[in-house]
Amino acid sequence: MNSIGENCTQLKKDYDNCFNNWFSDRFLKGDTDDSLCAPLFKVYQQCVKDAMKQHQIEFKEIENDFLGTKDEEKKPPPKDS
């Protein structure tokens, strides 16, 4: 799958490749240190944020942490029919 920004696609592929290797070669063997791919993720994340700005996409929730909070447990609002 391509990234939101055309110039981010290769960064995404590089990060995905790193993550997949880390997951299968380390995480599944008990090594939970995920710092190996962190530099690639940060560069990719910044590229996506820049692309979102270019496309005038405001997605403030991207900055919020929900996992492990009470917000994670909230049900989504009902859809309008």
C-alpha atoms as a PDB file:
ATOM      1  CA  MET A   1       0.000   0.000   0.000  1.00  0.00           C
ATOM      2  CA  ASN A   2       1.321   3.428  -0.868  1.00  0.00           C
ATOM      3  CA  SER A   3       1.587   6.254   1.603  1.00  0.00           C
ATOM      4  CA  ILE A   4      -0.548   9.396   1.675  1.00  0.00           C
ATOM      5  CA  GLY A   5       2.332  11.366   0.188  1.00  0.00           C
ATOM      6  CA  GLU A   6       3.961  10.093  -2.968  1.00  0.00           C
ATOM      7  CA  ASN A   7       7.388  11.041  -1.621  1.00  0.00           C
ATOM      8  CA  CYS A   8       6.643   9.055   1.566  1.00  0.00           C
ATOM      9  CA  THR A   9       6.014   5.725  -0.130  1.00  0.00           C
ATOM     10  CA  GLN A  10       9.642   4.567  -0.181  1.00  0.00           C
ATOM     11  CA  LEU A  11      10.051   5.655   3.448  1.00  0.00           C
ATOM     12  CA  LYS A  12       6.976   3.583   4.311  1.00  0.00           C
ATOM     13  CA  LYS A  13       8.376   0.556   2.499  1.00  0.00           C
ATOM     14  CA  ASP A  14      11.707   0.917   4.297  1.00  0.00           C
ATOM     15  CA  TYR A  15       9.989   1.160   7.674  1.00  0.00           C
ATOM     16  CA  ASP A  16       7.600  -1.723   6.902  1.00  0.00           C
ATOM     17  CA  ASN A  17      10.549  -3.907   5.895  1.00  0.00           C
ATOM     18  CA  CYS A  18      12.447  -3.033   9.074  1.00  0.00           C
ATOM     19  CA  PHE A  19       9.371  -3.630  11.229  1.00  0.00           C
ATOM     20  CA  ASN A  20       8.562  -6.975   9.614  1.00  0.00           C
ATOM     21  CA  ASN A  21      12.136  -8.176  10.093  1.00  0.00           C
ATOM     22  CA  TRP A  22      12.208  -6.946  13.694  1.00  0.00           C
ATOM     23  CA  PHE A  23       8.859  -8.575  14.431  1.00  0.00           C
ATOM     24  CA  SER A  24       9.772 -12.003  13.071  1.00  0.00           C
ATOM     25  CA  ASP A  25      13.470 -12.050  14.024  1.00  0.00           C
ATOM     26  CA  ARG A  26      13.322 -10.403  17.431  1.00  0.00           C
ATOM     27  CA  PHE A  27       9.878  -9.736  18.877  1.00  0.00           C
ATOM     28  CA  LEU A  28       8.578 -13.265  18.380  1.00  0.00           C
ATOM     29  CA  LYS A  29      11.724 -14.520  20.087  1.00  0.00           C
ATOM     30  CA  GLY A  30      11.129 -12.351  23.167  1.00  0.00           C
ATOM     31  CA  ASP A  31      13.143  -9.226  22.319  1.00  0.00           C
ATOM     32  CA  THR A  32      10.652  -6.370  22.756  1.00  0.00           C
ATOM     33  CA  ASP A  33      13.162  -3.548  22.211  1.00  0.00           C
ATOM     34  CA  ASP A  34      11.640  -1.761  19.233  1.00  0.00           C
ATOM     35  CA  SER A  35      14.306   0.941  18.946  1.00  0.00           C
ATOM     36  CA  LEU A  36      15.834  -0.699  15.866  1.00  0.00           C
ATOM     37  CA  CYS A  37      13.252   0.825  13.509  1.00  0.00           C
ATOM     38  CA  ALA A  38      12.489   3.972  15.495  1.00  0.00           C
ATOM     39  CA  PRO A  39      14.677   6.290  13.374  1.00  0.00           C
ATOM     40  CA  LEU A  40      12.978   5.101  10.174  1.00  0.00           C
ATOM     41  CA  PHE A  41       9.558   5.520  11.758  1.00  0.00           C
ATOM     42  CA  LYS A  42      10.275   9.092  12.859  1.00  0.00           C
ATOM     43  CA  VAL A  43      11.359  10.122   9.357  1.00  0.00           C
ATOM     44  CA  TYR A  44       8.329   8.416   7.808  1.00  0.00           C
ATOM     45  CA  GLN A  45       5.967   9.931  10.391  1.00  0.00           C
ATOM     46  CA  GLN A  46       7.266  13.443   9.691  1.00  0.00           C
ATOM     47  CA  CYS A  47       6.839  12.890   5.957  1.00  0.00           C
ATOM     48  CA  VAL A  48       3.220  11.818   6.495  1.00  0.00           C
ATOM     49  CA  LYS A  49       2.531  14.849   8.688  1.00  0.00           C
ATOM     50  CA  ASP A  50       3.976  17.133   6.005  1.00  0.00           C
ATOM     51  CA  ALA A  51       1.878  15.421   3.328  1.00  0.00           C
ATOM     52  CA  MET A  52      -1.237  15.829   5.451  1.00  0.00           C
ATOM     53  CA  LYS A  53      -0.539  19.553   5.725  1.00  0.00           C
ATOM     54  CA  GLN A  54      -0.032  19.778   1.950  1.00  0.00           C
ATOM     55  CA  HIS A  55      -3.389  18.074   1.421  1.00  0.00           C
ATOM     56  CA  GLN A  56      -4.952  20.303   4.095  1.00  0.00           C
ATOM     57  CA  ILE A  57      -5.886  17.334   6.226  1.00  0.00           C
ATOM     58  CA  GLU A  58      -6.328  18.184   9.880  1.00  0.00           C
ATOM     59  CA  PHE A  59      -6.102  15.079  11.940  1.00  0.00           C
ATOM     60  CA  LYS A  60      -5.455  16.303  15.470  1.00  0.00           C
ATOM     61  CA  GLU A  61      -6.085  12.877  16.958  1.00  0.00           C
ATOM     62  CA  ILE A  62      -2.826  11.629  15.427  1.00  0.00           C
ATOM     63  CA  GLU A  63      -0.973  13.388  18.240  1.00  0.00           C
ATOM     64  CA  ASN A  64      -3.093  11.854  21.017  1.00  0.00           C
ATOM     65  CA  ASP A  65      -2.344   8.609  22.800  1.00  0.00           C
ATOM     66  CA  PHE A  66      -5.450   6.474  23.203  1.00  0.00           C
ATOM     67  CA  LEU A  67      -4.084   2.997  23.850  1.00  0.00           C
ATOM     68  CA  GLY A  68      -4.181   2.160  27.515  1.00  0.00           C
ATOM     69  CA  THR A  69      -6.438   5.111  28.375  1.00  0.00           C
ATOM     70  CA  LYS A  70     -10.138   5.368  29.147  1.00  0.00           C
ATOM     71  CA  ASP A  71     -10.635   6.923  25.700  1.00  0.00           C
ATOM     72  CA  GLU A  72      -9.665   3.580  24.167  1.00  0.00           C
ATOM     73  CA  GLU A  73     -12.630   1.970  25.904  1.00  0.00           C
ATOM     74  CA  LYS A  74     -15.186   4.499  24.617  1.00  0.00           C
ATOM     75  CA  LYS A  75     -17.612   3.327  21.993  1.00  0.00           C
ATOM     76  CA  PRO A  76     -17.585   5.295  18.750  1.00  0.00           C
ATOM     77  CA  PRO A  77     -20.452   7.738  18.260  1.00  0.00           C
ATOM     78  CA  PRO A  78     -23.461   6.328  16.419  1.00  0.00           C
ATOM     79  CA  LYS A  79     -23.496   6.811  12.673  1.00  0.00           C
ATOM     80  CA  ASP A  80     -26.153   9.042  11.235  1.00  0.00           C
ATOM     81  CA  SER A  81     -28.606   7.015   9.178  1.00  0.00           C
END
